[in-house]
């Protein structure tokens, strides 16, 4: 029996819905780890590393403690440090630039393509200097950056390319999956990701055996073999419990991705069938990409974005804003000297975007409620505006 609109609640993310479908598998896998009493690295982690690398069509996978560390470790392994520069986007989660900063290098920002929210390759070369060591393109919201021109620029200038694939496992570019599109790639398994653990976890992929070896060594304090330290790394080991959970979930990832794509297509159809939401700009999928929709992000006029979110919350519809302050305007990066207007497309995205509920199990009835609610809010706004214009006349 369907719920009435008045009683319908639509969270931005419902992890419980997914867990109910795999509860028995997860509990068996967790029990096996508990029985083994092998909790740090070990066979479960090694198996996950091999399985994710194979899934991403990469030669090597190295598990680590978080997606943030998965960005930091390859930078360290490539000896990026003080005096160096790394080109990236100002419209991303903080860890993208934070990892660069932690090496002592300088993040150099390049604006985004407003259609895809990803770094604009046409602007990258102008940002390269003799100090540039790497480029970090971000595959934001589940769609890859335009990698061919990025890799061509990197090859021309002798730069490494580290994919920030935190939101894009399973996405592809011209038939090639994320994780094998650059020198290395960083994945996050934070619970909200398409492949999410039961806490923090991350993984690095690469085709370079020497880079893989060094990343693996750096995650255990630069140690190889035990108690012999070749360099100063840090503790970024992956827990076996997380690996066991992720190995179960990896078997379901393709089906969940198709579920997300179905939800995204349904949103597109529902919005296109509603005249009152013509001001809503829907996400696009480039013809040479395979989008995995970690988020379904719309754009609305900045003047009403926050009000729209509040009114949806009043109707028990969850939304999220990614990312309200672009990286170049964050207080901690003030020394870089950026001011509002430096990266206009990133700033516009920060002010106009709203992520709607997105998860594979999201029902059509719930989506219809979301879209119809947005339509009703826009209709009410139009009526109020019309009345105001009439009074002014």
Protein backbone atom coordinates (compact mmCIF):
# COMPACT_ATOMS: atom_id res chain seq x y z
CA UNK A 1 0.00 0.00 0.00
CA UNK A 2 1.46 3.39 -1.00
CA UNK A 3 2.03 6.10 1.55
CA UNK A 4 0.13 9.37 1.44
CA UNK A 5 2.12 12.40 0.38
CA UNK A 6 1.60 13.89 3.85
CA UNK A 7 3.36 10.94 5.50
CA UNK A 8 6.08 10.45 2.89
CA UNK A 9 9.62 11.19 4.08
CA UNK A 10 12.48 11.12 1.57
CA UNK A 11 15.97 11.20 3.09
CA UNK A 12 18.90 12.45 1.02
CA UNK A 13 20.53 9.04 1.56
CA UNK A 14 19.14 5.83 3.04
CA UNK A 15 21.93 3.39 3.91
CA UNK A 16 19.55 1.16 5.85
CA UNK A 17 17.64 0.26 2.68
CA UNK A 18 20.81 -1.11 1.11
CA UNK A 19 21.94 -2.92 4.25
CA UNK A 20 18.67 -4.86 4.52
CA UNK A 21 19.39 -6.51 1.16
CA UNK A 22 22.86 -7.79 2.14
CA UNK A 23 22.59 -8.18 5.91
CA UNK A 24 23.28 -11.92 5.98
CA UNK A 25 26.30 -11.66 3.66
CA UNK A 26 27.77 -8.83 5.70
CA UNK A 27 27.27 -10.58 9.02
CA UNK A 28 28.93 -13.76 7.75
CA UNK A 29 31.91 -11.80 6.43
CA UNK A 30 32.31 -9.85 9.67
CA UNK A 31 32.04 -13.04 11.76
CA UNK A 32 34.77 -14.64 9.68
CA UNK A 33 37.12 -11.74 10.43
CA UNK A 34 36.27 -11.85 14.12
CA UNK A 35 36.94 -15.58 14.22
CA UNK A 36 40.27 -15.09 12.45
CA UNK A 37 41.30 -12.31 14.88
CA UNK A 38 43.28 -10.75 12.00
CA UNK A 39 42.12 -7.13 12.05
CA UNK A 40 44.80 -5.02 10.35
CA UNK A 41 45.80 -5.56 6.71
CA UNK A 42 46.16 -9.32 6.12
CA UNK A 43 44.33 -11.63 3.69
CA UNK A 44 41.01 -9.76 3.60
CA UNK A 45 42.74 -6.51 2.68
CA UNK A 46 44.96 -8.24 0.10
CA UNK A 47 41.89 -9.82 -1.49
CA UNK A 48 40.05 -6.48 -1.61
CA UNK A 49 43.08 -4.78 -3.16
CA UNK A 50 43.23 -7.37 -5.93
CA UNK A 51 39.47 -7.31 -6.55
CA UNK A 52 39.21 -3.51 -6.73
CA UNK A 53 42.27 -3.28 -8.98
CA UNK A 54 40.74 -5.84 -11.32
CA UNK A 55 37.40 -4.01 -11.25
CA UNK A 56 39.14 -0.73 -12.13
CA UNK A 57 41.26 -2.40 -14.84
CA UNK A 58 44.43 -1.39 -12.99
CA UNK A 59 47.49 -3.48 -12.17
CA UNK A 60 47.80 -2.67 -8.46
CA UNK A 61 45.54 -1.72 -5.56
CA UNK A 62 46.80 -0.50 -2.18
CA UNK A 63 44.28 -0.14 0.64
CA UNK A 64 44.61 2.69 3.14
CA UNK A 65 42.71 4.30 6.00
CA UNK A 66 40.66 6.89 4.07
CA UNK A 67 40.03 8.56 0.76
CA UNK A 68 41.99 11.57 2.03
CA UNK A 69 45.04 9.38 2.60
CA UNK A 70 44.52 7.80 -0.83
CA UNK A 71 45.20 11.27 -2.28
CA UNK A 72 48.11 12.05 0.03
CA UNK A 73 50.01 8.76 -0.35
CA UNK A 74 50.66 8.93 -4.11
CA UNK A 75 51.68 12.58 -3.80
CA UNK A 76 54.22 11.57 -1.17
CA UNK A 77 55.35 8.58 -3.23
CA UNK A 78 55.93 10.90 -6.20
CA UNK A 79 58.00 13.17 -3.91
CA UNK A 80 55.74 16.19 -4.24
CA UNK A 81 56.79 18.62 -1.55
CA UNK A 82 57.72 22.19 -0.56
CA UNK A 83 58.26 24.44 -3.55
CA UNK A 84 56.17 22.26 -5.86
CA UNK A 85 52.76 23.03 -7.35
CA UNK A 86 49.83 20.75 -8.13
CA UNK A 87 47.03 21.83 -10.46
CA UNK A 88 43.49 20.96 -9.40
CA UNK A 89 39.93 22.28 -9.18
CA UNK A 90 38.56 24.67 -6.53
CA UNK A 91 35.17 22.94 -6.66
CA UNK A 92 35.63 19.69 -4.75
CA UNK A 93 35.69 18.20 -1.27
CA UNK A 94 38.40 19.75 0.91
CA UNK A 95 40.66 16.68 0.84
CA UNK A 96 41.59 17.32 -2.79
CA UNK A 97 43.50 20.48 -1.96
CA UNK A 98 44.18 19.46 1.64
CA UNK A 99 46.35 16.55 0.52
CA UNK A 100 48.44 18.88 -1.66
CA UNK A 101 48.85 21.35 1.21
CA UNK A 102 49.93 18.61 3.63
CA UNK A 103 52.91 17.75 1.42
CA UNK A 104 54.06 21.37 1.61
CA UNK A 105 53.20 21.95 -2.04
CA UNK A 106 50.93 24.68 -3.38
CA UNK A 107 47.50 23.92 -4.84
CA UNK A 108 47.03 25.83 -8.10
CA UNK A 109 43.37 26.10 -8.98
CA UNK A 110 41.78 25.93 -12.42
CA UNK A 111 38.08 26.66 -12.97
CA UNK A 112 35.50 24.04 -13.89
CA UNK A 113 33.43 23.30 -16.95
CA UNK A 114 29.97 24.47 -15.81
CA UNK A 115 28.27 21.61 -17.65
CA UNK A 116 30.10 18.75 -15.89
CA UNK A 117 31.44 20.47 -12.73
CA UNK A 118 34.86 18.97 -13.57
CA UNK A 119 38.13 20.79 -14.22
CA UNK A 120 38.21 22.54 -17.61
CA UNK A 121 41.13 21.07 -19.59
CA UNK A 122 41.28 24.17 -21.81
CA UNK A 123 42.43 26.22 -18.80
CA UNK A 124 45.04 23.85 -17.38
CA UNK A 125 48.09 24.64 -19.49
CA UNK A 126 48.01 28.32 -18.58
CA UNK A 127 48.32 27.32 -14.91
CA UNK A 128 51.44 25.19 -15.39
CA UNK A 129 54.82 26.58 -14.28
CA UNK A 130 58.30 25.06 -13.92
CA UNK A 131 57.27 24.16 -10.35
CA UNK A 132 54.25 22.06 -11.37
CA UNK A 133 54.64 18.37 -10.50
CA UNK A 134 51.16 16.90 -10.96
CA UNK A 135 47.54 17.42 -11.95
CA UNK A 136 44.65 16.15 -9.83
CA UNK A 137 41.43 16.03 -11.88
CA UNK A 138 38.33 15.26 -9.81
CA UNK A 139 35.62 12.98 -11.21
CA UNK A 140 32.91 14.92 -9.42
CA UNK A 141 29.48 13.51 -8.54
CA UNK A 142 30.21 10.30 -10.47
CA UNK A 143 31.22 11.55 -13.94
CA UNK A 144 34.82 11.48 -15.13
CA UNK A 145 36.81 14.52 -16.07
CA UNK A 146 37.83 14.90 -19.73
CA UNK A 147 40.97 12.80 -19.41
CA UNK A 148 42.51 12.68 -22.90
CA UNK A 149 43.44 16.37 -23.07
CA UNK A 150 44.49 16.30 -19.41
CA UNK A 151 46.82 13.36 -20.02
CA UNK A 152 48.17 15.00 -23.21
CA UNK A 153 49.06 18.16 -21.27
CA UNK A 154 50.64 16.06 -18.51
CA UNK A 155 52.74 14.11 -21.01
CA UNK A 156 53.88 17.29 -22.72
CA UNK A 157 55.09 18.78 -19.44
CA UNK A 158 56.26 15.58 -17.71
CA UNK A 159 53.61 15.67 -15.00
CA UNK A 160 51.91 12.94 -12.98
CA UNK A 161 48.11 12.65 -13.11
CA UNK A 162 46.33 11.52 -9.96
CA UNK A 163 42.62 10.86 -10.43
CA UNK A 164 40.46 11.92 -7.51
CA UNK A 165 37.95 9.13 -8.07
CA UNK A 166 36.44 9.29 -4.59
CA UNK A 167 32.92 9.65 -5.99
CA UNK A 168 33.34 7.69 -9.21
CA UNK A 169 34.17 4.02 -8.80
CA UNK A 170 32.74 2.22 -11.83
CA UNK A 171 32.50 5.37 -13.94
CA UNK A 172 34.21 5.23 -17.31
CA UNK A 173 35.73 7.50 -19.95
CA UNK A 174 35.69 6.29 -23.56
CA UNK A 175 35.21 2.74 -22.32
CA UNK A 176 37.99 2.85 -19.69
CA UNK A 177 37.14 2.80 -16.01
CA UNK A 178 38.32 5.25 -13.39
CA UNK A 179 41.37 3.97 -11.58
CA UNK A 180 43.32 3.32 -14.74
CA UNK A 181 43.13 6.71 -16.45
CA UNK A 182 46.25 8.35 -15.01
CA UNK A 183 49.46 7.73 -13.08
CA UNK A 184 47.45 6.75 -10.00
CA UNK A 185 43.92 7.10 -8.64
CA UNK A 186 42.45 7.70 -5.20
CA UNK A 187 39.21 6.08 -4.06
CA UNK A 188 37.16 6.77 -0.95
CA UNK A 189 34.96 4.16 0.70
CA UNK A 190 33.28 6.59 3.08
CA UNK A 191 29.78 5.22 3.86
CA UNK A 192 27.99 7.63 1.50
CA UNK A 193 30.03 6.57 -1.54
CA UNK A 194 28.68 4.16 -4.17
CA UNK A 195 30.96 1.54 -2.64
CA UNK A 196 30.85 2.52 1.02
CA UNK A 197 32.30 0.84 4.08
CA UNK A 198 31.20 0.90 7.69
CA UNK A 199 33.55 3.78 8.45
CA UNK A 200 36.55 5.42 6.80
CA UNK A 201 38.53 3.48 4.20
CA UNK A 202 40.32 4.23 0.95
CA UNK A 203 42.41 2.69 -1.81
CA UNK A 204 45.01 3.72 -4.39
CA UNK A 205 45.24 2.13 -7.83
CA UNK A 206 48.15 2.37 -10.27
CA UNK A 207 49.77 0.49 -13.13
CA UNK A 208 53.25 1.43 -11.90
CA UNK A 209 54.76 -1.38 -9.76
CA UNK A 210 57.38 0.86 -8.14
CA UNK A 211 54.81 3.51 -7.25
CA UNK A 212 52.55 0.80 -5.79
CA UNK A 213 55.41 -0.56 -3.71
CA UNK A 214 56.24 2.85 -2.31
CA UNK A 215 52.61 3.72 -1.52
CA UNK A 216 52.29 0.39 0.32
CA UNK A 217 55.43 1.16 2.30
CA UNK A 218 54.45 4.73 3.16
CA UNK A 219 51.10 3.60 4.63
CA UNK A 220 53.03 1.61 7.31
CA UNK A 221 55.48 4.29 8.46
CA UNK A 222 57.86 3.67 5.54
CA UNK A 223 58.50 0.15 6.83
CA UNK A 224 59.72 -2.82 4.76
CA UNK A 225 60.29 -5.42 6.15
CA UNK A 226 58.98 -5.22 9.72
CA UNK A 227 60.85 -2.70 11.88
CA UNK A 228 63.07 -1.57 8.98
CA UNK A 229 62.13 1.97 7.95
CA UNK A 230 63.37 3.33 4.62
CA UNK A 231 61.60 6.67 4.96
CA UNK A 232 59.14 8.42 7.23
CA UNK A 233 55.61 7.50 6.28
CA UNK A 234 52.59 7.39 8.55
CA UNK A 235 49.93 4.98 9.78
CA UNK A 236 47.27 4.54 7.11
CA UNK A 237 46.53 0.82 7.33
CA UNK A 238 43.18 -0.54 6.18
CA UNK A 239 41.16 -2.56 8.70
CA UNK A 240 40.27 -6.13 7.75
CA UNK A 241 36.69 -5.58 8.93
CA UNK A 242 36.29 -2.74 6.44
CA UNK A 243 37.83 -4.86 3.69
CA UNK A 244 35.44 -7.73 4.42
CA UNK A 245 32.42 -5.42 4.23
CA UNK A 246 33.67 -3.84 1.02
CA UNK A 247 34.33 -7.19 -0.62
CA UNK A 248 30.70 -8.15 -0.06
CA UNK A 249 29.48 -4.82 -1.39
CA UNK A 250 31.76 -4.90 -4.43
CA UNK A 251 29.87 -7.95 -5.71
CA UNK A 252 26.69 -5.82 -5.82
CA UNK A 253 28.23 -2.59 -7.11
CA UNK A 254 27.29 -2.94 -10.78
CA UNK A 255 23.66 -3.66 -9.89
CA UNK A 256 23.59 -0.65 -7.57
CA UNK A 257 25.12 1.51 -10.28
CA UNK A 258 22.36 0.52 -12.67
CA UNK A 259 19.88 1.37 -9.91
CA UNK A 260 21.40 4.83 -9.58
CA UNK A 261 21.26 5.35 -13.34
CA UNK A 262 17.59 4.31 -13.32
CA UNK A 263 16.88 6.83 -10.57
CA UNK A 264 18.73 9.54 -12.51
CA UNK A 265 16.80 8.80 -15.70
CA UNK A 266 13.53 8.87 -13.76
CA UNK A 267 14.41 12.29 -12.33
CA UNK A 268 15.16 13.56 -15.84
CA UNK A 269 11.79 12.33 -17.13
CA UNK A 270 9.85 13.69 -14.17
CA UNK A 271 11.43 17.14 -14.43
CA UNK A 272 10.99 17.30 -18.19
CA UNK A 273 7.30 16.58 -17.76
CA UNK A 274 6.76 19.50 -15.39
CA UNK A 275 6.63 23.02 -16.86
CA UNK A 276 6.94 24.80 -13.51
CA UNK A 277 10.52 23.59 -13.02
CA UNK A 278 11.99 25.05 -16.20
CA UNK A 279 14.38 27.12 -14.11
CA UNK A 280 15.93 23.89 -12.82
CA UNK A 281 19.09 22.91 -14.70
CA UNK A 282 19.52 19.13 -14.69
CA UNK A 283 22.85 17.28 -14.68
CA UNK A 284 24.25 16.21 -18.03
CA UNK A 285 26.07 13.04 -19.04
CA UNK A 286 28.73 13.51 -21.70
CA UNK A 287 28.38 11.15 -24.65
CA UNK A 288 31.80 9.53 -24.07
CA UNK A 289 31.29 8.96 -20.32
CA UNK A 290 29.47 6.48 -18.11
CA UNK A 291 28.05 8.41 -15.14
CA UNK A 292 27.57 6.52 -11.85
CA UNK A 293 25.58 9.28 -10.09
CA UNK A 294 27.08 9.38 -6.63
CA UNK A 295 24.92 12.49 -6.48
CA UNK A 296 22.11 13.93 -8.60
CA UNK A 297 22.88 17.64 -8.52
CA UNK A 298 20.58 20.28 -9.96
CA UNK A 299 21.17 23.99 -10.41
CA UNK A 300 18.65 26.67 -9.45
CA UNK A 301 18.97 30.47 -9.21
CA UNK A 302 21.27 31.35 -6.32
CA UNK A 303 18.69 33.76 -4.89
CA UNK A 304 16.30 30.91 -4.12
CA UNK A 305 18.57 27.88 -3.58
CA UNK A 306 18.71 28.07 0.22
CA UNK A 307 15.00 28.88 0.51
CA UNK A 308 14.15 25.94 -1.75
CA UNK A 309 16.18 23.65 0.47
CA UNK A 310 14.41 24.90 3.60
CA UNK A 311 10.98 24.41 2.04
CA UNK A 312 11.88 20.89 0.92
CA UNK A 313 13.08 20.10 4.44
CA UNK A 314 9.69 21.30 5.74
CA UNK A 315 8.16 18.65 3.46
CA UNK A 316 10.54 16.06 4.91
CA UNK A 317 12.68 15.88 1.79
CA UNK A 318 16.40 15.70 2.44
CA UNK A 319 18.91 17.55 0.26
CA UNK A 320 22.56 18.55 0.52
CA UNK A 321 24.74 21.38 -0.73
CA UNK A 322 28.13 20.40 -2.17
CA UNK A 323 30.20 22.62 -1.74
CA UNK A 324 28.97 26.01 -0.45
CA UNK A 325 32.45 27.56 -0.14
CA UNK A 326 34.83 26.77 -3.01
CA UNK A 327 38.35 25.84 -1.99
CA UNK A 328 40.04 29.05 -3.13
CA UNK A 329 37.84 31.02 -0.71
CA UNK A 330 38.42 28.79 2.32
CA UNK A 331 39.99 30.64 5.26
CA UNK A 332 42.89 28.20 5.56
CA UNK A 333 43.97 28.97 1.97
CA UNK A 334 43.84 32.76 2.39
CA UNK A 335 47.62 32.96 1.90
CA UNK A 336 47.13 31.92 -1.73
CA UNK A 337 45.68 35.38 -2.29
CA UNK A 338 42.46 34.49 -4.09
CA UNK A 339 39.39 36.71 -4.03
CA UNK A 340 35.76 36.27 -5.12
CA UNK A 341 35.51 36.29 -8.89
CA UNK A 342 38.77 34.44 -9.53
CA UNK A 343 36.98 31.24 -10.56
CA UNK A 344 33.47 32.29 -11.54
CA UNK A 345 32.12 28.92 -12.67
CA UNK A 346 33.18 27.26 -9.41
CA UNK A 347 31.65 30.10 -7.40
CA UNK A 348 28.41 29.89 -9.36
CA UNK A 349 28.23 26.14 -8.75
CA UNK A 350 28.79 26.70 -5.03
CA UNK A 351 25.86 29.12 -4.95
CA UNK A 352 23.42 27.36 -7.27
CA UNK A 353 23.72 23.60 -6.79
CA UNK A 354 21.49 21.32 -4.74
CA UNK A 355 21.87 17.55 -4.43
CA UNK A 356 18.54 15.70 -4.43
CA UNK A 357 17.91 12.33 -2.76
CA UNK A 358 19.95 9.66 -4.58
CA UNK A 359 20.40 5.98 -3.78
CA UNK A 360 19.65 2.82 -5.79
CA UNK A 361 16.61 1.87 -3.74
CA UNK A 362 14.86 5.23 -4.14
CA UNK A 363 11.28 4.50 -5.20
CA UNK A 364 9.47 6.22 -8.05
CA UNK A 365 6.76 7.43 -5.67
CA UNK A 366 9.37 9.17 -3.54
CA UNK A 367 11.00 10.75 -6.58
CA UNK A 368 7.66 11.96 -7.84
CA UNK A 369 7.08 13.59 -4.45
CA UNK A 370 10.46 15.34 -4.67
CA UNK A 371 9.90 16.69 -8.18
CA UNK A 372 6.27 17.67 -7.61
CA UNK A 373 7.25 19.44 -4.39
CA UNK A 374 9.89 21.45 -6.23
CA UNK A 375 7.29 22.27 -8.88
CA UNK A 376 4.81 23.44 -6.26
CA UNK A 377 7.43 25.62 -4.59
CA UNK A 378 8.30 27.24 -7.93
CA UNK A 379 4.59 27.77 -8.70
CA UNK A 380 4.01 29.45 -5.34
CA UNK A 381 7.06 31.65 -5.93
CA UNK A 382 5.75 32.65 -9.38
CA UNK A 383 2.33 33.53 -7.94
CA UNK A 384 3.88 35.64 -5.18
CA UNK A 385 6.11 37.39 -7.70
CA UNK A 386 3.13 38.09 -9.96
CA UNK A 387 1.11 39.56 -7.08
CA UNK A 388 4.05 41.73 -6.11
CA UNK A 389 4.38 43.02 -9.66
CA UNK A 390 0.65 43.78 -9.78
CA UNK A 391 0.83 45.86 -6.58
CA UNK A 392 3.83 47.75 -7.89
CA UNK A 393 1.93 48.55 -11.09
